[in-house]
PDB file of all heavy atoms in Angstrom:
ATOM      1  N   ALA A   1       0.831  -1.223  -0.006  1.00  0.00           N
ATOM      2  CA  ALA A   1      -0.056   0.003   0.005  1.00  0.00           C
ATOM      3  C   ALA A   1       0.931   1.245  -0.033  1.00  0.00           C
ATOM      4  O   ALA A   1       0.562   2.284  -0.667  1.00  0.00           O
ATOM      5  CB  ALA A   1      -0.899   0.011   1.196  1.00  0.00           C
ATOM      6  N   ALA A   2       1.909   1.327   0.707  1.00  0.00           N
ATOM      7  CA  ALA A   2       2.827   2.424   0.857  1.00  0.00           C
ATOM      8  C   ALA A   2       3.445   2.706  -0.564  1.00  0.00           C
ATOM      9  O   ALA A   2       3.512   3.838  -0.988  1.00  0.00           O
ATOM     10  CB  ALA A   2       3.918   2.274   1.888  1.00  0.00           C
ATOM     11  N   ASN A   3       3.835   1.637  -1.195  1.00  0.00           N
ATOM     12  CA  ASN A   3       4.404   1.825  -2.550  1.00  0.00           C
ATOM     13  C   ASN A   3       3.467   2.306  -3.513  1.00  0.00           C
ATOM     14  O   ASN A   3       3.728   3.198  -4.374  1.00  0.00           O
ATOM     15  CB  ASN A   3       5.023   0.501  -2.999  1.00  0.00           C
ATOM     16  CG  ASN A   3       6.325   0.122  -2.373  1.00  0.00           C
ATOM     17  OD1 ASN A   3       7.085   1.015  -1.930  1.00  0.00           O
ATOM     18  ND2 ASN A   3       6.701  -1.100  -2.214  1.00  0.00           N
ATOM     19  N   ARG A   4       2.203   1.823  -3.405  1.00  0.00           N
ATOM     20  CA  ARG A   4       1.248   2.328  -4.395  1.00  0.00           C
ATOM     21  C   ARG A   4       0.813   3.656  -4.092  1.00  0.00           C
ATOM     22  O   ARG A   4       0.631   4.485  -5.039  1.00  0.00           O
ATOM     23  CB  ARG A   4      -0.047   1.363  -4.272  1.00  0.00           C
ATOM     24  CG  ARG A   4       0.280   0.076  -4.906  1.00  0.00           C
ATOM     25  CD  ARG A   4      -0.972  -0.733  -5.293  1.00  0.00           C
ATOM     26  NE  ARG A   4      -0.560  -1.949  -5.853  1.00  0.00           N
ATOM     27  CZ  ARG A   4      -1.396  -2.911  -6.187  1.00  0.00           C
ATOM     28  NH1 ARG A   4      -2.698  -2.694  -5.974  1.00  0.00           N
ATOM     29  NH2 ARG A   4      -0.971  -3.934  -6.829  1.00  0.00           N
ATOM     30  N   VAL A   5       0.673   4.137  -2.837  1.00  0.00           N
ATOM     31  CA  VAL A   5       0.353   5.568  -2.486  1.00  0.00           C
ATOM     32  C   VAL A   5       1.455   6.392  -3.036  1.00  0.00           C
ATOM     33  O   VAL A   5       1.229   7.479  -3.637  1.00  0.00           O
ATOM     34  CB  VAL A   5       0.148   5.671  -1.025  1.00  0.00           C
ATOM     35  CG1 VAL A   5       0.144   7.129  -0.521  1.00  0.00           C
ATOM     36  CG2 VAL A   5      -1.161   4.999  -0.579  1.00  0.00           C
ATOM     37  N   GLU A   6       2.675   5.930  -2.683  1.00  0.00           N
ATOM     38  CA  GLU A   6       3.900   6.717  -3.192  1.00  0.00           C
ATOM     39  C   GLU A   6       3.868   6.981  -4.670  1.00  0.00           C
ATOM     40  O   GLU A   6       4.027   8.066  -5.139  1.00  0.00           O
ATOM     41  CB  GLU A   6       5.165   6.083  -2.673  1.00  0.00           C
ATOM     42  CG  GLU A   6       6.414   6.844  -2.923  1.00  0.00           C
ATOM     43  CD  GLU A   6       7.643   6.268  -2.373  1.00  0.00           C
ATOM     44  OE1 GLU A   6       7.498   5.463  -1.386  1.00  0.00           O
ATOM     45  OE2 GLU A   6       8.780   6.531  -2.874  1.00  0.00           O
ATOM     46  N   SER A   7       3.678   5.901  -5.413  1.00  0.00           N
ATOM     47  CA  SER A   7       3.617   5.990  -6.851  1.00  0.00           C
ATOM     48  C   SER A   7       2.487   6.837  -7.437  1.00  0.00           C
ATOM     49  O   SER A   7       2.679   7.723  -8.148  1.00  0.00           O
ATOM     50  CB  SER A   7       3.526   4.592  -7.442  1.00  0.00           C
ATOM     51  OG  SER A   7       3.443   4.624  -8.780  1.00  0.00           O
ATOM     52  N   ALA A   8       1.259   6.568  -6.895  1.00  0.00           N
ATOM     53  CA  ALA A   8       0.120   7.362  -7.372  1.00  0.00           C
ATOM     54  C   ALA A   8       0.185   8.843  -7.022  1.00  0.00           C
ATOM     55  O   ALA A   8      -0.121   9.783  -7.840  1.00  0.00           O
ATOM     56  CB  ALA A   8      -1.203   6.747  -6.721  1.00  0.00           C
ATOM     57  N   LEU A   9       0.474   9.122  -5.732  1.00  0.00           N
ATOM     58  CA  LEU A   9       0.556  10.550  -5.297  1.00  0.00           C
ATOM     59  C   LEU A   9       1.718  11.315  -5.959  1.00  0.00           C
ATOM     60  O   LEU A   9       1.606  12.361  -6.427  1.00  0.00           O
ATOM     61  CB  LEU A   9       0.780  10.565  -3.751  1.00  0.00           C
ATOM     62  CG  LEU A   9       0.630  11.961  -3.089  1.00  0.00           C
ATOM     63  CD1 LEU A   9      -0.690  12.510  -3.487  1.00  0.00           C
ATOM     64  CD2 LEU A   9       0.767  11.818  -1.626  1.00  0.00           C
ATOM     65  N   GLY A  10       2.893  10.583  -6.100  1.00  0.00           N
ATOM     66  CA  GLY A  10       4.002  11.125  -6.812  1.00  0.00           C
ATOM     67  C   GLY A  10       3.709  11.492  -8.212  1.00  0.00           C
ATOM     68  O   GLY A  10       3.980  12.564  -8.654  1.00  0.00           O
ATOM     69  N   SER A  11       3.052  10.577  -8.912  1.00  0.00           N
ATOM     70  CA  SER A  11       2.607  10.797 -10.316  1.00  0.00           C
ATOM     71  C   SER A  11       1.620  11.994 -10.454  1.00  0.00           C
ATOM     72  O   SER A  11       1.789  12.835 -11.373  1.00  0.00           O
ATOM     73  CB  SER A  11       2.028   9.545 -10.945  1.00  0.00           C
ATOM     74  OG  SER A  11       2.988   8.517 -11.006  1.00  0.00           O
ATOM     75  N   ALA A  12       0.666  12.019  -9.620  1.00  0.00           N
ATOM     76  CA  ALA A  12      -0.334  13.113  -9.617  1.00  0.00           C
ATOM     77  C   ALA A  12       0.317  14.552  -9.356  1.00  0.00           C
ATOM     78  O   ALA A  12       0.032  15.394 -10.116  1.00  0.00           O
ATOM     79  CB  ALA A  12      -1.427  12.835  -8.681  1.00  0.00           C
ATOM     80  N   VAL A  13       1.194  14.586  -8.291  1.00  0.00           N
ATOM     81  CA  VAL A  13       1.835  15.831  -8.154  1.00  0.00           C
ATOM     82  C   VAL A  13       2.745  16.250  -9.178  1.00  0.00           C
ATOM     83  O   VAL A  13       2.955  17.396  -9.546  1.00  0.00           O
ATOM     84  CB  VAL A  13       2.412  15.773  -6.697  1.00  0.00           C
ATOM     85  CG1 VAL A  13       3.270  17.051  -6.439  1.00  0.00           C
ATOM     86  CG2 VAL A  13       1.365  15.590  -5.589  1.00  0.00           C
ATOM     87  N   THR A  14       3.479  15.208  -9.687  1.00  0.00           N
ATOM     88  CA  THR A  14       4.485  15.464 -10.768  1.00  0.00           C
ATOM     89  C   THR A  14       3.845  16.083 -11.985  1.00  0.00           C
ATOM     90  O   THR A  14       4.387  17.091 -12.518  1.00  0.00           O
ATOM     91  CB  THR A  14       5.207  14.179 -11.234  1.00  0.00           C
ATOM     92  OG1 THR A  14       5.877  13.684 -10.131  1.00  0.00           O
ATOM     93  CG2 THR A  14       6.216  14.403 -12.345  1.00  0.00           C
ATOM     94  N   ARG A  15       2.698  15.704 -12.311  1.00  0.00           N
ATOM     95  CA  ARG A  15       1.950  16.268 -13.515  1.00  0.00           C
ATOM     96  C   ARG A  15       1.639  17.792 -13.245  1.00  0.00           C
ATOM     97  O   ARG A  15       1.616  18.512 -14.208  1.00  0.00           O
ATOM     98  CB  ARG A  15       0.599  15.418 -13.708  1.00  0.00           C
ATOM     99  CG  ARG A  15       0.889  14.088 -14.491  1.00  0.00           C
ATOM    100  CD  ARG A  15      -0.445  13.553 -14.962  1.00  0.00           C
ATOM    101  NE  ARG A  15      -1.318  13.204 -13.893  1.00  0.00           N
ATOM    102  CZ  ARG A  15      -1.350  11.991 -13.316  1.00  0.00           C
ATOM    103  NH1 ARG A  15      -0.470  11.078 -13.657  1.00  0.00           N
ATOM    104  NH2 ARG A  15      -2.210  11.685 -12.310  1.00  0.00           N
ATOM    105  N   THR A  16       1.364  18.130 -12.077  1.00  0.00           N
ATOM    106  CA  THR A  16       0.998  19.546 -11.812  1.00  0.00           C
ATOM    107  C   THR A  16       2.071  20.375 -11.272  1.00  0.00           C
ATOM    108  O   THR A  16       2.097  21.611 -11.540  1.00  0.00           O
ATOM    109  CB  THR A  16      -0.207  19.587 -10.833  1.00  0.00           C
ATOM    110  OG1 THR A  16       0.238  18.914  -9.617  1.00  0.00           O
ATOM    111  CG2 THR A  16      -1.401  18.904 -11.420  1.00  0.00           C
ATOM    112  N   ALA A  17       2.962  19.817 -10.446  1.00  0.00           N
ATOM    113  CA  ALA A  17       4.004  20.762  -9.803  1.00  0.00           C
ATOM    114  C   ALA A  17       5.400  20.324 -10.100  1.00  0.00           C
ATOM    115  O   ALA A  17       6.307  21.072  -9.623  1.00  0.00           O
ATOM    116  CB  ALA A  17       3.773  20.609  -8.274  1.00  0.00           C
ATOM    117  N   GLY A  18       5.762  19.343 -10.737  1.00  0.00           N
ATOM    118  CA  GLY A  18       7.047  18.977 -11.087  1.00  0.00           C
ATOM    119  C   GLY A  18       7.586  17.743 -10.436  1.00  0.00           C
ATOM    120  O   GLY A  18       6.946  17.296  -9.591  1.00  0.00           O
ATOM    121  N   ARG A  19       8.691  17.215 -10.966  1.00  0.00           N
ATOM    122  CA  ARG A  19       9.185  16.015 -10.565  1.00  0.00           C
ATOM    123  C   ARG A  19       9.639  15.983  -9.179  1.00  0.00           C
ATOM    124  O   ARG A  19       9.428  14.984  -8.415  1.00  0.00           O
ATOM    125  CB  ARG A  19      10.419  15.636 -11.576  1.00  0.00           C
ATOM    126  CG  ARG A  19      11.005  14.331 -11.287  1.00  0.00           C
ATOM    127  CD  ARG A  19      12.152  14.145 -12.176  1.00  0.00           C
ATOM    128  NE  ARG A  19      11.952  12.820 -12.825  1.00  0.00           N
ATOM    129  CZ  ARG A  19      12.813  12.383 -13.824  1.00  0.00           C
ATOM    130  NH1 ARG A  19      13.749  13.114 -14.163  1.00  0.00           N
ATOM    131  NH2 ARG A  19      12.660  11.244 -14.340  1.00  0.00           N
ATOM    132  N   ARG A  20      10.427  16.948  -8.691  1.00  0.00           N
ATOM    133  CA  ARG A  20      10.989  16.887  -7.353  1.00  0.00           C
ATOM    134  C   ARG A  20       9.871  16.945  -6.298  1.00  0.00           C
ATOM    135  O   ARG A  20       9.901  16.238  -5.388  1.00  0.00           O
ATOM    136  CB  ARG A  20      11.891  18.151  -7.159  1.00  0.00           C
ATOM    137  CG  ARG A  20      13.282  17.905  -7.480  1.00  0.00           C
ATOM    138  CD  ARG A  20      14.171  18.742  -6.717  1.00  0.00           C
ATOM    139  NE  ARG A  20      15.488  18.145  -6.697  1.00  0.00           N
ATOM    140  CZ  ARG A  20      16.522  18.874  -6.832  1.00  0.00           C
ATOM    141  NH1 ARG A  20      16.537  20.182  -7.178  1.00  0.00           N
ATOM    142  NH2 ARG A  20      17.734  18.276  -6.750  1.00  0.00           N
ATOM    143  N   LEU A  21       8.921  17.879  -6.455  1.00  0.00           N
ATOM    144  CA  LEU A  21       7.849  18.011  -5.538  1.00  0.00           C
ATOM    145  C   LEU A  21       6.939  16.684  -5.547  1.00  0.00           C
ATOM    146  O   LEU A  21       6.475  16.328  -4.565  1.00  0.00           O
ATOM    147  CB  LEU A  21       6.920  19.240  -5.820  1.00  0.00           C
ATOM    148  CG  LEU A  21       5.920  19.561  -4.819  1.00  0.00           C
ATOM    149  CD1 LEU A  21       6.646  19.795  -3.523  1.00  0.00           C
ATOM    150  CD2 LEU A  21       5.157  20.858  -5.237  1.00  0.00           C
ATOM    151  N   GLY A  22       6.866  16.148  -6.739  1.00  0.00           N
ATOM    152  CA  GLY A  22       6.062  14.832  -6.908  1.00  0.00           C
ATOM    153  C   GLY A  22       6.669  13.694  -6.101  1.00  0.00           C
ATOM    154  O   GLY A  22       6.027  12.993  -5.403  1.00  0.00           O
ATOM    155  N   ALA A  23       8.001  13.692  -6.226  1.00  0.00           N
ATOM    156  CA  ALA A  23       8.738  12.495  -5.480  1.00  0.00           C
ATOM    157  C   ALA A  23       8.627  12.792  -3.900  1.00  0.00           C
ATOM    158  O   ALA A  23       8.377  11.845  -3.241  1.00  0.00           O
ATOM    159  CB  ALA A  23      10.214  12.432  -5.938  1.00  0.00           C
ATOM    160  N   ALA A  24       8.818  14.004  -3.549  1.00  0.00           N
ATOM    161  CA  ALA A  24       8.669  14.285  -2.068  1.00  0.00           C
ATOM    162  C   ALA A  24       7.270  14.022  -1.555  1.00  0.00           C
ATOM    163  O   ALA A  24       7.072  13.430  -0.523  1.00  0.00           O
ATOM    164  CB  ALA A  24       9.010  15.726  -1.778  1.00  0.00           C
ATOM    165  N   ALA A  25       6.242  14.466  -2.343  1.00  0.00           N
ATOM    166  CA  ALA A  25       4.821  14.210  -1.975  1.00  0.00           C
ATOM    167  C   ALA A  25       4.547  12.721  -1.907  1.00  0.00           C
ATOM    168  O   ALA A  25       3.905  12.219  -0.947  1.00  0.00           O
ATOM    169  CB  ALA A  25       3.873  14.890  -2.859  1.00  0.00           C
ATOM    170  N   GLY A  26       5.059  11.959  -2.904  1.00  0.00           N
ATOM    171  CA  GLY A  26       4.837  10.476  -2.915  1.00  0.00           C
ATOM    172  C   GLY A  26       5.434   9.797  -1.729  1.00  0.00           C
ATOM    173  O   GLY A  26       4.846   8.980  -1.049  1.00  0.00           O
ATOM    174  N   ARG A  27       6.640  10.208  -1.432  1.00  0.00           N
ATOM    175  CA  ARG A  27       7.327   9.540  -0.213  1.00  0.00           C
ATOM    176  C   ARG A  27       6.524   9.962   1.095  1.00  0.00           C
ATOM    177  O   ARG A  27       6.419   9.032   1.883  1.00  0.00           O
ATOM    178  CB  ARG A  27       8.846   9.976  -0.066  1.00  0.00           C
ATOM    179  CG  ARG A  27       9.727   9.322  -1.072  1.00  0.00           C
ATOM    180  CD  ARG A  27      11.181   9.590  -0.764  1.00  0.00           C
ATOM    181  NE  ARG A  27      11.604  10.993  -0.810  1.00  0.00           N
ATOM    182  CZ  ARG A  27      12.026  11.642  -1.736  1.00  0.00           C
ATOM    183  NH1 ARG A  27      12.177  11.019  -2.928  1.00  0.00           N
ATOM    184  NH2 ARG A  27      12.400  12.902  -1.663  1.00  0.00           N
ATOM    185  N   ALA A  28       6.178  11.148   1.265  1.00  0.00           N
ATOM    186  CA  ALA A  28       5.407  11.589   2.487  1.00  0.00           C
ATOM    187  C   ALA A  28       4.082  10.835   2.550  1.00  0.00           C
ATOM    188  O   ALA A  28       3.696  10.353   3.636  1.00  0.00           O
ATOM    189  CB  ALA A  28       5.173  13.084   2.390  1.00  0.00           C
ATOM    190  N   GLY A  29       3.445  10.678   1.406  1.00  0.00           N
ATOM    191  CA  GLY A  29       2.192   9.873   1.442  1.00  0.00           C
ATOM    192  C   GLY A  29       2.369   8.418   1.778  1.00  0.00           C
ATOM    193  O   GLY A  29       1.639   7.798   2.607  1.00  0.00           O
ATOM    194  N   GLY A  30       3.429   7.859   1.316  1.00  0.00           N
ATOM    195  CA  GLY A  30       3.746   6.485   1.570  1.00  0.00           C
ATOM    196  C   GLY A  30       4.071   6.296   3.111  1.00  0.00           C
ATOM    197  O   GLY A  30       3.751   5.166   3.627  1.00  0.00           O
ATOM    198  N   LEU A  31       4.720   7.267   3.627  1.00  0.00           N
ATOM    199  CA  LEU A  31       5.056   7.132   5.134  1.00  0.00           C
ATOM    200  C   LEU A  31       3.767   7.173   6.056  1.00  0.00           C
ATOM    201  O   LEU A  31       3.871   6.729   7.172  1.00  0.00           O
ATOM    202  CB  LEU A  31       6.035   8.273   5.529  1.00  0.00           C
ATOM    203  CG  LEU A  31       7.445   8.205   4.959  1.00  0.00           C
ATOM    204  CD1 LEU A  31       8.200   9.404   5.273  1.00  0.00           C
ATOM    205  CD2 LEU A  31       8.133   6.951   5.404  1.00  0.00           C
ATOM    206  N   LEU A  32       2.750   7.718   5.500  1.00  0.00           N
ATOM    207  CA  LEU A  32       1.465   7.837   6.384  1.00  0.00           C
ATOM    208  C   LEU A  32       0.643   6.572   6.435  1.00  0.00           C
ATOM    209  O   LEU A  32      -0.209   6.441   7.168  1.00  0.00           O
ATOM    210  CB  LEU A  32       0.574   8.982   5.820  1.00  0.00           C
ATOM    211  CG  LEU A  32       1.283  10.395   5.965  1.00  0.00           C
ATOM    212  CD1 LEU A  32       0.396  11.422   5.326  1.00  0.00           C
ATOM    213  CD2 LEU A  32       1.507  10.716   7.431  1.00  0.00           C
ATOM    214  N   VAL A  33       1.006   5.527   5.569  1.00  0.00           N
ATOM    215  CA  VAL A  33       0.249   4.406   5.603  1.00  0.00           C
ATOM    216  C   VAL A  33       0.327   3.577   6.792  1.00  0.00           C
ATOM    217  O   VAL A  33      -0.715   3.171   7.372  1.00  0.00           O
ATOM    218  CB  VAL A  33       0.612   3.391   4.289  1.00  0.00           C
ATOM    219  CG1 VAL A  33      -0.081   2.170   4.383  1.00  0.00           C
ATOM    220  CG2 VAL A  33       0.334   4.209   2.994  1.00  0.00           C
ATOM    221  N   GLN A  34       1.481   3.346   7.383  1.00  0.00           N
ATOM    222  CA  GLN A  34       1.672   2.539   8.559  1.00  0.00           C
ATOM    223  C   GLN A  34       1.001   3.157   9.717  1.00  0.00           C
ATOM    224  O   GLN A  34       0.205   2.456  10.474  1.00  0.00           O
ATOM    225  CB  GLN A  34       3.182   2.314   8.876  1.00  0.00           C
ATOM    226  CG  GLN A  34       3.316   1.471  10.122  1.00  0.00           C
ATOM    227  CD  GLN A  34       2.963   0.045   9.935  1.00  0.00           C
ATOM    228  OE1 GLN A  34       3.452  -0.773   9.233  1.00  0.00           O
ATOM    229  NE2 GLN A  34       1.924  -0.299  10.763  1.00  0.00           N
ATOM    230  N   PRO A  35       1.145   4.550  10.055  1.00  0.00           N
ATOM    231  CA  PRO A  35       0.421   5.000  11.233  1.00  0.00           C
ATOM    232  C   PRO A  35      -1.128   4.887  10.969  1.00  0.00           C
ATOM    233  O   PRO A  35      -1.897   4.681  11.863  1.00  0.00           O
ATOM    234  CB  PRO A  35       0.789   6.544  11.180  1.00  0.00           C
ATOM    235  CG  PRO A  35       2.188   6.526  10.515  1.00  0.00           C
ATOM    236  CD  PRO A  35       2.065   5.413   9.482  1.00  0.00           C
ATOM    237  N   ALA A  36      -1.565   4.975   9.745  1.00  0.00           N
ATOM    238  CA  ALA A  36      -2.999   4.885   9.411  1.00  0.00           C
ATOM    239  C   ALA A  36      -3.467   3.431   9.801  1.00  0.00           C
ATOM    240  O   ALA A  36      -4.574   3.283  10.363  1.00  0.00           O
ATOM    241  CB  ALA A  36      -3.352   5.173   7.952  1.00  0.00           C
ATOM    242  N   VAL A  37      -2.677   2.433   9.427  1.00  0.00           N
ATOM    243  CA  VAL A  37      -2.999   1.056   9.807  1.00  0.00           C
ATOM    244  C   VAL A  37      -3.044   0.878  11.338  1.00  0.00           C
ATOM    245  O   VAL A  37      -4.010   0.280  11.875  1.00  0.00           O
ATOM    246  CB  VAL A  37      -2.024   0.045   9.126  1.00  0.00           C
ATOM    247  CG1 VAL A  37      -2.218  -1.342   9.702  1.00  0.00           C
ATOM    248  CG2 VAL A  37      -2.216   0.092   7.606  1.00  0.00           C
ATOM    249  N   TRP A  38      -2.105   1.443  12.045  1.00  0.00           N
ATOM    250  CA  TRP A  38      -2.193   1.384  13.539  1.00  0.00           C
ATOM    251  C   TRP A  38      -3.514   1.938  14.066  1.00  0.00           C
ATOM    252  O   TRP A  38      -4.053   1.415  14.966  1.00  0.00           O
ATOM    253  CB  TRP A  38      -0.993   2.089  14.151  1.00  0.00           C
ATOM    254  CG  TRP A  38       0.274   1.308  13.953  1.00  0.00           C
ATOM    255  CD1 TRP A  38       0.523   0.018  13.866  1.00  0.00           C
ATOM    256  CD2 TRP A  38       1.594   1.927  13.828  1.00  0.00           C
ATOM    257  NE1 TRP A  38       1.831  -0.267  13.624  1.00  0.00           N
ATOM    258  CE2 TRP A  38       2.582   0.783  13.707  1.00  0.00           C
ATOM    259  CE3 TRP A  38       2.152   3.215  13.788  1.00  0.00           C
ATOM    260  CZ2 TRP A  38       3.922   1.027  13.572  1.00  0.00           C
ATOM    261  CZ3 TRP A  38       3.450   3.357  13.655  1.00  0.00           C
ATOM    262  CH2 TRP A  38       4.378   2.354  13.649  1.00  0.00           C
ATOM    263  N   VAL A  39      -3.928   3.110  13.464  1.00  0.00           N
ATOM    264  CA  VAL A  39      -5.142   3.699  13.943  1.00  0.00           C
ATOM    265  C   VAL A  39      -6.320   2.908  13.602  1.00  0.00           C
ATOM    266  O   VAL A  39      -7.133   2.629  14.452  1.00  0.00           O
ATOM    267  CB  VAL A  39      -5.164   5.229  13.372  1.00  0.00           C
ATOM    268  CG1 VAL A  39      -6.516   5.741  13.675  1.00  0.00           C
ATOM    269  CG2 VAL A  39      -4.109   6.054  13.905  1.00  0.00           C
TER     270      VAL A  39
END
């Protein structure tokens, strides 16, 4: 799930804001998966 969120969010942000911001957004989104599962 983290890899899919990272890929999907990264691609979506890359299309609108650029490659660097897309990669950062994807990684941040992927990191939120584990805490969400704990909750």
